[in-house]
């Protein structure tokens, strides 16, 4: 699967992907489903600042470990997105209206 925009959310699975370069986006939440224990996921804004990151813990067992983050009722505004690292799995970035 390639990265794609679907109904107000980005579904990302390819590392080193610049998404919406130079475009203001309001992030509502992210949801990461890793393919295995210890998968890493790092999301930067267009300026290289880390917006969100995680490393699935070794205490989790099985395939399909999940973690999410809500950016609050107002979300967070970023200038573009760059999925710097994703070891495996899928990151879904939910957008809110600017």
PDB file of N, CA and C in Angstrom:
ATOM      1  N   UNK A   1       0.840  -1.177   0.000  1.00  0.00           N
ATOM      2  CA  UNK A   1       0.000   0.000   0.000  1.00  0.00           C
ATOM      3  C   UNK A   1       0.881   1.235   0.000  1.00  0.00           C
ATOM      4  N   UNK A   2       0.465   2.256  -0.676  1.00  0.00           N
ATOM      5  CA  UNK A   2       1.189   3.527  -0.676  1.00  0.00           C
ATOM      6  C   UNK A   2       0.466   4.510   0.228  1.00  0.00           C
ATOM      7  N   UNK A   3       1.155   5.570   0.594  1.00  0.00           N
ATOM      8  CA  UNK A   3       0.533   6.609   1.402  1.00  0.00           C
ATOM      9  C   UNK A   3      -0.645   7.201   0.638  1.00  0.00           C
ATOM     10  N   UNK A   4      -1.733   7.496   1.354  1.00  0.00           N
ATOM     11  CA  UNK A   4      -2.895   8.069   0.679  1.00  0.00           C
ATOM     12  C   UNK A   4      -3.727   8.921   1.620  1.00  0.00           C
ATOM     13  N   UNK A   5      -4.472   9.851   1.041  1.00  0.00           N
ATOM     14  CA  UNK A   5      -5.398  10.705   1.772  1.00  0.00           C
ATOM     15  C   UNK A   5      -6.801  10.178   1.532  1.00  0.00           C
ATOM     16  N   UNK A   6      -7.499   9.840   2.621  1.00  0.00           N
ATOM     17  CA  UNK A   6      -8.847   9.283   2.530  1.00  0.00           C
ATOM     18  C   UNK A   6      -9.768   9.988   3.506  1.00  0.00           C
ATOM     19  N   UNK A   7     -10.761  10.689   3.016  1.00  0.00           N
ATOM     20  CA  UNK A   7     -11.803  11.268   3.872  1.00  0.00           C
ATOM     21  C   UNK A   7     -11.270  11.990   5.108  1.00  0.00           C
ATOM     22  N   UNK A   8     -10.345  12.904   4.920  1.00  0.00           N
ATOM     23  CA  UNK A   8      -9.847  13.704   6.037  1.00  0.00           C
ATOM     24  C   UNK A   8      -8.829  13.018   6.915  1.00  0.00           C
ATOM     25  N   UNK A   9      -8.214  11.973   6.404  1.00  0.00           N
ATOM     26  CA  UNK A   9      -7.151  11.314   7.170  1.00  0.00           C
ATOM     27  C   UNK A   9      -6.085  10.812   6.202  1.00  0.00           C
ATOM     28  N   UNK A  10      -4.853  10.856   6.668  1.00  0.00           N
ATOM     29  CA  UNK A  10      -3.756  10.279   5.906  1.00  0.00           C
ATOM     30  C   UNK A  10      -3.500   8.878   6.435  1.00  0.00           C
ATOM     31  N   UNK A  11      -3.360   7.921   5.540  1.00  0.00           N
ATOM     32  CA  UNK A  11      -2.984   6.555   5.883  1.00  0.00           C
ATOM     33  C   UNK A  11      -1.566   6.373   5.346  1.00  0.00           C
ATOM     34  N   UNK A  12      -0.604   6.248   6.271  1.00  0.00           N
ATOM     35  CA  UNK A  12       0.809   6.274   5.903  1.00  0.00           C
ATOM     36  C   UNK A  12       1.495   4.964   6.279  1.00  0.00           C
ATOM     37  N   UNK A  13       2.321   4.473   5.356  1.00  0.00           N
ATOM     38  CA  UNK A  13       3.075   3.257   5.656  1.00  0.00           C
ATOM     39  C   UNK A  13       4.472   3.266   5.047  1.00  0.00           C
ATOM     40  N   UNK A  14       4.877   4.388   4.466  1.00  0.00           N
ATOM     41  CA  UNK A  14       6.160   4.467   3.787  1.00  0.00           C
ATOM     42  C   UNK A  14       7.040   5.523   4.459  1.00  0.00           C
ATOM     43  N   UNK A  15       8.204   5.084   4.956  1.00  0.00           N
ATOM     44  CA  UNK A  15       9.137   5.996   5.634  1.00  0.00           C
ATOM     45  C   UNK A  15       9.740   6.985   4.645  1.00  0.00           C
ATOM     46  N   UNK A  16      10.239   8.093   5.196  1.00  0.00           N
ATOM     47  CA  UNK A  16      10.869   9.157   4.417  1.00  0.00           C
ATOM     48  C   UNK A  16       9.904   9.770   3.415  1.00  0.00           C
ATOM     49  N   UNK A  17       8.632   9.821   3.791  1.00  0.00           N
ATOM     50  CA  UNK A  17       7.604  10.380   2.911  1.00  0.00           C
ATOM     51  C   UNK A  17       7.222  11.775   3.357  1.00  0.00           C
ATOM     52  N   UNK A  18       7.324  12.724   2.450  1.00  0.00           N
ATOM     53  CA  UNK A  18       6.861  14.081   2.728  1.00  0.00           C
ATOM     54  C   UNK A  18       5.397  14.140   2.305  1.00  0.00           C
ATOM     55  N   UNK A  19       4.554  14.527   3.240  1.00  0.00           N
ATOM     56  CA  UNK A  19       3.113  14.593   2.997  1.00  0.00           C
ATOM     57  C   UNK A  19       2.688  16.051   3.091  1.00  0.00           C
ATOM     58  N   UNK A  20       2.065  16.559   2.064  1.00  0.00           N
ATOM     59  CA  UNK A  20       1.521  17.924   2.067  1.00  0.00           C
ATOM     60  C   UNK A  20       2.587  18.961   2.411  1.00  0.00           C
ATOM     61  N   UNK A  21       3.690  18.951   1.684  1.00  0.00           N
ATOM     62  CA  UNK A  21       4.787  19.894   1.926  1.00  0.00           C
ATOM     63  C   UNK A  21       4.292  21.325   1.815  1.00  0.00           C
ATOM     64  N   UNK A  22       4.610  22.137   2.825  1.00  0.00           N
ATOM     65  CA  UNK A  22       4.259  23.549   2.808  1.00  0.00           C
ATOM     66  C   UNK A  22       2.781  23.842   2.973  1.00  0.00           C
ATOM     67  N   UNK A  23       2.011  22.854   3.373  1.00  0.00           N
ATOM     68  CA  UNK A  23       0.572  23.036   3.547  1.00  0.00           C
ATOM     69  C   UNK A  23       0.222  23.020   5.027  1.00  0.00           C
ATOM     70  N   UNK A  24      -0.513  24.009   5.484  1.00  0.00           N
ATOM     71  CA  UNK A  24      -0.945  24.032   6.878  1.00  0.00           C
ATOM     72  C   UNK A  24      -2.006  22.961   7.104  1.00  0.00           C
ATOM     73  N   UNK A  25      -1.810  22.165   8.146  1.00  0.00           N
ATOM     74  CA  UNK A  25      -2.746  21.101   8.511  1.00  0.00           C
ATOM     75  C   UNK A  25      -3.028  21.188  10.008  1.00  0.00           C
ATOM     76  N   UNK A  26      -4.251  20.877  10.403  1.00  0.00           N
ATOM     77  CA  UNK A  26      -4.581  20.781  11.827  1.00  0.00           C
ATOM     78  C   UNK A  26      -4.747  19.298  12.145  1.00  0.00           C
ATOM     79  N   UNK A  27      -3.874  18.794  13.005  1.00  0.00           N
ATOM     80  CA  UNK A  27      -3.913  17.391  13.387  1.00  0.00           C
ATOM     81  C   UNK A  27      -4.865  17.202  14.563  1.00  0.00           C
ATOM     82  N   UNK A  28      -5.776  16.256  14.440  1.00  0.00           N
ATOM     83  CA  UNK A  28      -6.694  15.934  15.526  1.00  0.00           C
ATOM     84  C   UNK A  28      -6.140  14.793  16.372  1.00  0.00           C
ATOM     85  N   UNK A  29      -5.662  13.741  15.702  1.00  0.00           N
ATOM     86  CA  UNK A  29      -5.110  12.587  16.424  1.00  0.00           C
ATOM     87  C   UNK A  29      -4.306  11.726  15.469  1.00  0.00           C
ATOM     88  N   UNK A  30      -3.532  10.818  16.050  1.00  0.00           N
ATOM     89  CA  UNK A  30      -2.788   9.825  15.280  1.00  0.00           C
ATOM     90  C   UNK A  30      -3.054   8.457  15.891  1.00  0.00           C
ATOM     91  N   UNK A  31      -2.989   7.437  15.064  1.00  0.00           N
ATOM     92  CA  UNK A  31      -3.176   6.061  15.515  1.00  0.00           C
ATOM     93  C   UNK A  31      -2.175   5.201  14.775  1.00  0.00           C
ATOM     94  N   UNK A  32      -1.304   4.517  15.530  1.00  0.00           N
ATOM     95  CA  UNK A  32      -0.257   3.686  14.940  1.00  0.00           C
ATOM     96  C   UNK A  32      -0.514   2.234  15.276  1.00  0.00           C
ATOM     97  N   UNK A  33      -0.585   1.404  14.253  1.00  0.00           N
ATOM     98  CA  UNK A  33      -0.677  -0.039  14.422  1.00  0.00           C
ATOM     99  C   UNK A  33       0.612  -0.630  13.885  1.00  0.00           C
ATOM    100  N   UNK A  34       1.446  -1.107  14.783  1.00  0.00           N
ATOM    101  CA  UNK A  34       2.717  -1.679  14.388  1.00  0.00           C
ATOM    102  C   UNK A  34       2.573  -3.094  13.867  1.00  0.00           C
ATOM    103  N   UNK A  35       3.545  -3.522  13.082  1.00  0.00           N
ATOM    104  CA  UNK A  35       3.536  -4.875  12.549  1.00  0.00           C
ATOM    105  C   UNK A  35       4.147  -5.865  13.539  1.00  0.00           C
ATOM    106  N   UNK A  36       4.950  -5.372  14.476  1.00  0.00           N
ATOM    107  CA  UNK A  36       5.634  -6.250  15.429  1.00  0.00           C
ATOM    108  C   UNK A  36       6.032  -5.453  16.665  1.00  0.00           C
ATOM    109  N   UNK A  37       6.418  -6.148  17.711  1.00  0.00           N
ATOM    110  CA  UNK A  37       6.932  -5.491  18.914  1.00  0.00           C
ATOM    111  C   UNK A  37       8.146  -4.639  18.550  1.00  0.00           C
ATOM    112  N   UNK A  38       8.323  -3.561  19.271  1.00  0.00           N
ATOM    113  CA  UNK A  38       9.458  -2.655  19.149  1.00  0.00           C
ATOM    114  C   UNK A  38       9.483  -1.858  17.852  1.00  0.00           C
ATOM    115  N   UNK A  39       8.383  -1.789  17.119  1.00  0.00           N
ATOM    116  CA  UNK A  39       8.333  -0.935  15.934  1.00  0.00           C
ATOM    117  C   UNK A  39       8.407   0.530  16.358  1.00  0.00           C
ATOM    118  N   UNK A  40       9.133   1.326  15.588  1.00  0.00           N
ATOM    119  CA  UNK A  40       9.270   2.768  15.814  1.00  0.00           C
ATOM    120  C   UNK A  40       8.437   3.524  14.796  1.00  0.00           C
ATOM    121  N   UNK A  41       7.970   4.701  15.200  1.00  0.00           N
ATOM    122  CA  UNK A  41       7.264   5.589  14.285  1.00  0.00           C
ATOM    123  C   UNK A  41       7.580   7.027  14.708  1.00  0.00           C
ATOM    124  N   UNK A  42       8.086   7.847  13.771  1.00  0.00           N
ATOM    125  CA  UNK A  42       8.429   9.240  14.063  1.00  0.00           C
ATOM    126  C   UNK A  42       7.839  10.130  12.981  1.00  0.00           C
ATOM    127  N   UNK A  43       7.025  11.094  13.394  1.00  0.00           N
ATOM    128  CA  UNK A  43       6.357  12.025  12.495  1.00  0.00           C
ATOM    129  C   UNK A  43       6.870  13.436  12.772  1.00  0.00           C
ATOM    130  N   UNK A  44       7.397  14.101  11.748  1.00  0.00           N
ATOM    131  CA  UNK A  44       7.883  15.482  11.846  1.00  0.00           C
ATOM    132  C   UNK A  44       6.935  16.412  11.096  1.00  0.00           C
ATOM    133  N   UNK A  45       7.005  17.705  11.455  1.00  0.00           N
ATOM    134  CA  UNK A  45       6.336  18.691  10.615  1.00  0.00           C
ATOM    135  C   UNK A  45       7.271  19.039   9.458  1.00  0.00           C
ATOM    136  N   UNK A  46       6.841  19.925   8.587  1.00  0.00           N
ATOM    137  CA  UNK A  46       7.643  20.297   7.438  1.00  0.00           C
ATOM    138  C   UNK A  46       8.929  21.020   7.776  1.00  0.00           C
ATOM    139  N   UNK A  47       9.065  21.475   9.023  1.00  0.00           N
ATOM    140  CA  UNK A  47      10.272  22.175   9.465  1.00  0.00           C
ATOM    141  C   UNK A  47      11.226  21.270  10.234  1.00  0.00           C
ATOM    142  N   UNK A  48      10.924  19.983  10.312  1.00  0.00           N
ATOM    143  CA  UNK A  48      11.805  19.029  10.984  1.00  0.00           C
ATOM    144  C   UNK A  48      11.546  18.841  12.464  1.00  0.00           C
ATOM    145  N   UNK A  49      10.533  19.501  13.016  1.00  0.00           N
ATOM    146  CA  UNK A  49      10.204  19.360  14.432  1.00  0.00           C
ATOM    147  C   UNK A  49       9.382  18.081  14.638  1.00  0.00           C
ATOM    148  N   UNK A  50       9.739  17.303  15.664  1.00  0.00           N
ATOM    149  CA  UNK A  50       8.987  16.086  15.961  1.00  0.00           C
ATOM    150  C   UNK A  50       7.595  16.463  16.454  1.00  0.00           C
ATOM    151  N   UNK A  51       6.577  15.962  15.755  1.00  0.00           N
ATOM    152  CA  UNK A  51       5.184  16.197  16.114  1.00  0.00           C
ATOM    153  C   UNK A  51       4.691  15.080  17.025  1.00  0.00           C
ATOM    154  N   UNK A  52       5.124  13.845  16.703  1.00  0.00           N
ATOM    155  CA  UNK A  52       4.694  12.682  17.479  1.00  0.00           C
ATOM    156  C   UNK A  52       5.658  11.543  17.196  1.00  0.00           C
ATOM    157  N   UNK A  53       5.931  10.740  18.235  1.00  0.00           N
ATOM    158  CA  UNK A  53       6.775   9.565  18.036  1.00  0.00           C
ATOM    159  C   UNK A  53       6.406   8.494  19.050  1.00  0.00           C
ATOM    160  N   UNK A  54       6.730   7.264  18.727  1.00  0.00           N
ATOM    161  CA  UNK A  54       6.518   6.175  19.671  1.00  0.00           C
ATOM    162  C   UNK A  54       7.415   5.003  19.323  1.00  0.00           C
ATOM    163  N   UNK A  55       7.630   4.171  20.305  1.00  0.00           N
ATOM    164  CA  UNK A  55       8.295   2.877  20.141  1.00  0.00           C
ATOM    165  C   UNK A  55       7.432   1.884  20.894  1.00  0.00           C
ATOM    166  N   UNK A  56       6.890   0.928  20.165  1.00  0.00           N
ATOM    167  CA  UNK A  56       6.060  -0.067  20.818  1.00  0.00           C
ATOM    168  C   UNK A  56       6.896  -0.858  21.811  1.00  0.00           C
ATOM    169  N   UNK A  57       6.338  -1.113  22.974  1.00  0.00           N
ATOM    170  CA  UNK A  57       7.072  -1.757  24.055  1.00  0.00           C
ATOM    171  C   UNK A  57       7.259  -3.247  23.857  1.00  0.00           C
ATOM    172  N   UNK A  58       8.276  -3.751  24.483  1.00  0.00           N
ATOM    173  CA  UNK A  58       8.577  -5.173  24.382  1.00  0.00           C
ATOM    174  C   UNK A  58       7.637  -6.003  25.242  1.00  0.00           C
ATOM    175  N   UNK A  59       6.869  -5.370  26.143  1.00  0.00           N
ATOM    176  CA  UNK A  59       5.931  -6.107  26.979  1.00  0.00           C
ATOM    177  C   UNK A  59       4.654  -6.454  26.234  1.00  0.00           C
ATOM    178  N   UNK A  60       4.423  -5.770  25.119  1.00  0.00           N
ATOM    179  CA  UNK A  60       3.250  -6.075  24.306  1.00  0.00           C
ATOM    180  C   UNK A  60       3.527  -7.357  23.543  1.00  0.00           C
ATOM    181  N   UNK A  61       2.525  -8.146  23.354  1.00  0.00           N
ATOM    182  CA  UNK A  61       2.733  -9.409  22.656  1.00  0.00           C
ATOM    183  C   UNK A  61       1.874  -9.496  21.414  1.00  0.00           C
ATOM    184  N   UNK A  62       2.367 -10.213  20.423  1.00  0.00           N
ATOM    185  CA  UNK A  62       1.606 -10.459  19.213  1.00  0.00           C
ATOM    186  C   UNK A  62       1.752  -9.370  18.172  1.00  0.00           C
ATOM    187  N   UNK A  63       1.168  -9.622  17.047  1.00  0.00           N
ATOM    188  CA  UNK A  63       1.175  -8.690  15.914  1.00  0.00           C
ATOM    189  C   UNK A  63      -0.028  -7.755  16.051  1.00  0.00           C
ATOM    190  N   UNK A  64       0.110  -6.533  15.608  1.00  0.00           N
ATOM    191  CA  UNK A  64      -1.009  -5.597  15.626  1.00  0.00           C
ATOM    192  C   UNK A  64      -1.065  -4.732  16.863  1.00  0.00           C
ATOM    193  N   UNK A  65       0.075  -4.505  17.498  1.00  0.00           N
ATOM    194  CA  UNK A  65       0.123  -3.626  18.664  1.00  0.00           C
ATOM    195  C   UNK A  65      -0.228  -2.210  18.244  1.00  0.00           C
ATOM    196  N   UNK A  66      -1.020  -1.520  19.076  1.00  0.00           N
ATOM    197  CA  UNK A  66      -1.543  -0.210  18.689  1.00  0.00           C
ATOM    198  C   UNK A  66      -1.301   0.829  19.777  1.00  0.00           C
ATOM    199  N   UNK A  67      -1.117   2.073  19.336  1.00  0.00           N
ATOM    200  CA  UNK A  67      -1.012   3.205  20.244  1.00  0.00           C
ATOM    201  C   UNK A  67      -1.559   4.432  19.522  1.00  0.00           C
ATOM    202  N   UNK A  68      -2.208   5.308  20.274  1.00  0.00           N
ATOM    203  CA  UNK A  68      -2.772   6.506  19.674  1.00  0.00           C
ATOM    204  C   UNK A  68      -2.495   7.732  20.519  1.00  0.00           C
ATOM    205  N   UNK A  69      -2.747   8.887  19.935  1.00  0.00           N
ATOM    206  CA  UNK A  69      -2.583  10.154  20.649  1.00  0.00           C
ATOM    207  C   UNK A  69      -3.611  11.140  20.116  1.00  0.00           C
ATOM    208  N   UNK A  70      -4.281  11.838  21.042  1.00  0.00           N
ATOM    209  CA  UNK A  70      -5.239  12.873  20.693  1.00  0.00           C
ATOM    210  C   UNK A  70      -4.579  14.220  20.978  1.00  0.00           C
ATOM    211  N   UNK A  71      -4.626  15.137  20.020  1.00  0.00           N
ATOM    212  CA  UNK A  71      -3.984  16.447  20.168  1.00  0.00           C
ATOM    213  C   UNK A  71      -4.871  17.479  20.859  1.00  0.00           C
ATOM    214  N   UNK A  72      -5.948  17.046  21.494  1.00  0.00           N
ATOM    215  CA  UNK A  72      -6.810  17.954  22.238  1.00  0.00           C
ATOM    216  C   UNK A  72      -7.919  18.526  21.373  1.00  0.00           C
ATOM    217  N   UNK A  73      -8.820  19.262  22.011  1.00  0.00           N
ATOM    218  CA  UNK A  73     -10.002  19.758  21.293  1.00  0.00           C
ATOM    219  C   UNK A  73      -9.654  20.739  20.184  1.00  0.00           C
ATOM    220  N   UNK A  74      -8.542  21.455  20.308  1.00  0.00           N
ATOM    221  CA  UNK A  74      -8.139  22.397  19.273  1.00  0.00           C
ATOM    222  C   UNK A  74      -7.142  21.806  18.284  1.00  0.00           C
ATOM    223  N   UNK A  75      -6.681  20.592  18.536  1.00  0.00           N
ATOM    224  CA  UNK A  75      -5.687  19.974  17.665  1.00  0.00           C
ATOM    225  C   UNK A  75      -4.374  20.726  17.707  1.00  0.00           C
ATOM    226  N   UNK A  76      -3.508  20.421  16.786  1.00  0.00           N
ATOM    227  CA  UNK A  76      -2.246  21.145  16.654  1.00  0.00           C
ATOM    228  C   UNK A  76      -2.009  21.423  15.179  1.00  0.00           C
ATOM    229  N   UNK A  77      -1.603  22.656  14.875  1.00  0.00           N
ATOM    230  CA  UNK A  77      -1.387  23.065  13.488  1.00  0.00           C
ATOM    231  C   UNK A  77       0.081  22.870  13.137  1.00  0.00           C
ATOM    232  N   UNK A  78       0.307  22.244  11.978  1.00  0.00           N
ATOM    233  CA  UNK A  78       1.662  21.999  11.493  1.00  0.00           C
ATOM    234  C   UNK A  78       1.770  22.510  10.062  1.00  0.00           C
ATOM    235  N   UNK A  79       3.006  22.730   9.642  1.00  0.00           N
ATOM    236  CA  UNK A  79       3.285  23.169   8.277  1.00  0.00           C
ATOM    237  C   UNK A  79       3.831  21.969   7.503  1.00  0.00           C
ATOM    238  N   UNK A  80       2.931  21.139   6.986  1.00  0.00           N
ATOM    239  CA  UNK A  80       3.341  19.943   6.270  1.00  0.00           C
ATOM    240  C   UNK A  80       3.681  18.812   7.223  1.00  0.00           C
ATOM    241  N   UNK A  81       3.846  17.616   6.677  1.00  0.00           N
ATOM    242  CA  UNK A  81       4.180  16.430   7.463  1.00  0.00           C
ATOM    243  C   UNK A  81       5.252  15.627   6.759  1.00  0.00           C
ATOM    244  N   UNK A  82       6.089  14.978   7.560  1.00  0.00           N
ATOM    245  CA  UNK A  82       7.137  14.100   7.047  1.00  0.00           C
ATOM    246  C   UNK A  82       7.164  12.862   7.936  1.00  0.00           C
ATOM    247  N   UNK A  83       6.810  11.722   7.376  1.00  0.00           N
ATOM    248  CA  UNK A  83       6.900  10.467   8.121  1.00  0.00           C
ATOM    249  C   UNK A  83       8.334   9.995   8.015  1.00  0.00           C
ATOM    250  N   UNK A  84       9.130  10.373   8.997  1.00  0.00           N
ATOM    251  CA  UNK A  84      10.565  10.105   8.959  1.00  0.00           C
ATOM    252  C   UNK A  84      10.871   8.623   9.138  1.00  0.00           C
ATOM    253  N   UNK A  85      10.220   7.981  10.102  1.00  0.00           N
ATOM    254  CA  UNK A  85      10.511   6.590  10.422  1.00  0.00           C
ATOM    255  C   UNK A  85       9.225   5.821  10.647  1.00  0.00           C
ATOM    256  N   UNK A  86       9.133   4.653  10.046  1.00  0.00           N
ATOM    257  CA  UNK A  86       8.086   3.692  10.380  1.00  0.00           C
ATOM    258  C   UNK A  86       8.676   2.317  10.082  1.00  0.00           C
ATOM    259  N   UNK A  87       8.932   1.555  11.142  1.00  0.00           N
ATOM    260  CA  UNK A  87       9.567   0.248  10.965  1.00  0.00           C
ATOM    261  C   UNK A  87       8.637  -0.741  10.282  1.00  0.00           C
ATOM    262  N   UNK A  88       7.384  -0.645  10.579  1.00  0.00           N
ATOM    263  CA  UNK A  88       6.397  -1.535   9.996  1.00  0.00           C
ATOM    264  C   UNK A  88       5.026  -1.087  10.461  1.00  0.00           C
ATOM    265  N   UNK A  89       3.984  -1.517   9.790  1.00  0.00           N
ATOM    266  CA  UNK A  89       2.636  -1.152  10.192  1.00  0.00           C
ATOM    267  C   UNK A  89       2.118   0.057   9.462  1.00  0.00           C
ATOM    268  N   UNK A  90       1.104   0.678  10.064  1.00  0.00           N
ATOM    269  CA  UNK A  90       0.392   1.798   9.436  1.00  0.00           C
ATOM    270  C   UNK A  90       0.173   2.898  10.470  1.00  0.00           C
ATOM    271  N   UNK A  91       0.416   4.140  10.052  1.00  0.00           N
ATOM    272  CA  UNK A  91       0.106   5.325  10.852  1.00  0.00           C
ATOM    273  C   UNK A  91      -1.072   6.030  10.196  1.00  0.00           C
ATOM    274  N   UNK A  92      -2.127   6.265  10.958  1.00  0.00           N
ATOM    275  CA  UNK A  92      -3.260   7.032  10.452  1.00  0.00           C
ATOM    276  C   UNK A  92      -3.257   8.386  11.157  1.00  0.00           C
ATOM    277  N   UNK A  93      -3.232   9.457  10.364  1.00  0.00           N
ATOM    278  CA  UNK A  93      -3.241  10.821  10.885  1.00  0.00           C
ATOM    279  C   UNK A  93      -4.610  11.422  10.577  1.00  0.00           C
ATOM    280  N   UNK A  94      -5.372  11.702  11.618  1.00  0.00           N
ATOM    281  CA  UNK A  94      -6.701  12.286  11.460  1.00  0.00           C
ATOM    282  C   UNK A  94      -6.583  13.802  11.467  1.00  0.00           C
ATOM    283  N   UNK A  95      -7.221  14.444  10.505  1.00  0.00           N
ATOM    284  CA  UNK A  95      -7.152  15.906  10.353  1.00  0.00           C
ATOM    285  C   UNK A  95      -8.423  16.554  10.879  1.00  0.00           C
ATOM    286  N   UNK A  96      -8.292  17.798  11.320  1.00  0.00           N
ATOM    287  CA  UNK A  96      -9.435  18.622  11.718  1.00  0.00           C
ATOM    288  C   UNK A  96      -9.446  19.854  10.821  1.00  0.00           C
ATOM    289  N   UNK A  97     -10.552  20.572  10.787  1.00  0.00           N
ATOM    290  CA  UNK A  97     -10.646  21.780   9.977  1.00  0.00           C
ATOM    291  C   UNK A  97      -9.770  22.865  10.560  1.00  0.00           C
ATOM    292  N   UNK A  98      -9.134  23.628   9.669  1.00  0.00           N
ATOM    293  CA  UNK A  98      -8.296  24.758  10.101  1.00  0.00           C
ATOM    294  C   UNK A  98      -9.143  25.893  10.587  1.00  0.00           C
TER     295      UNK A  98
END
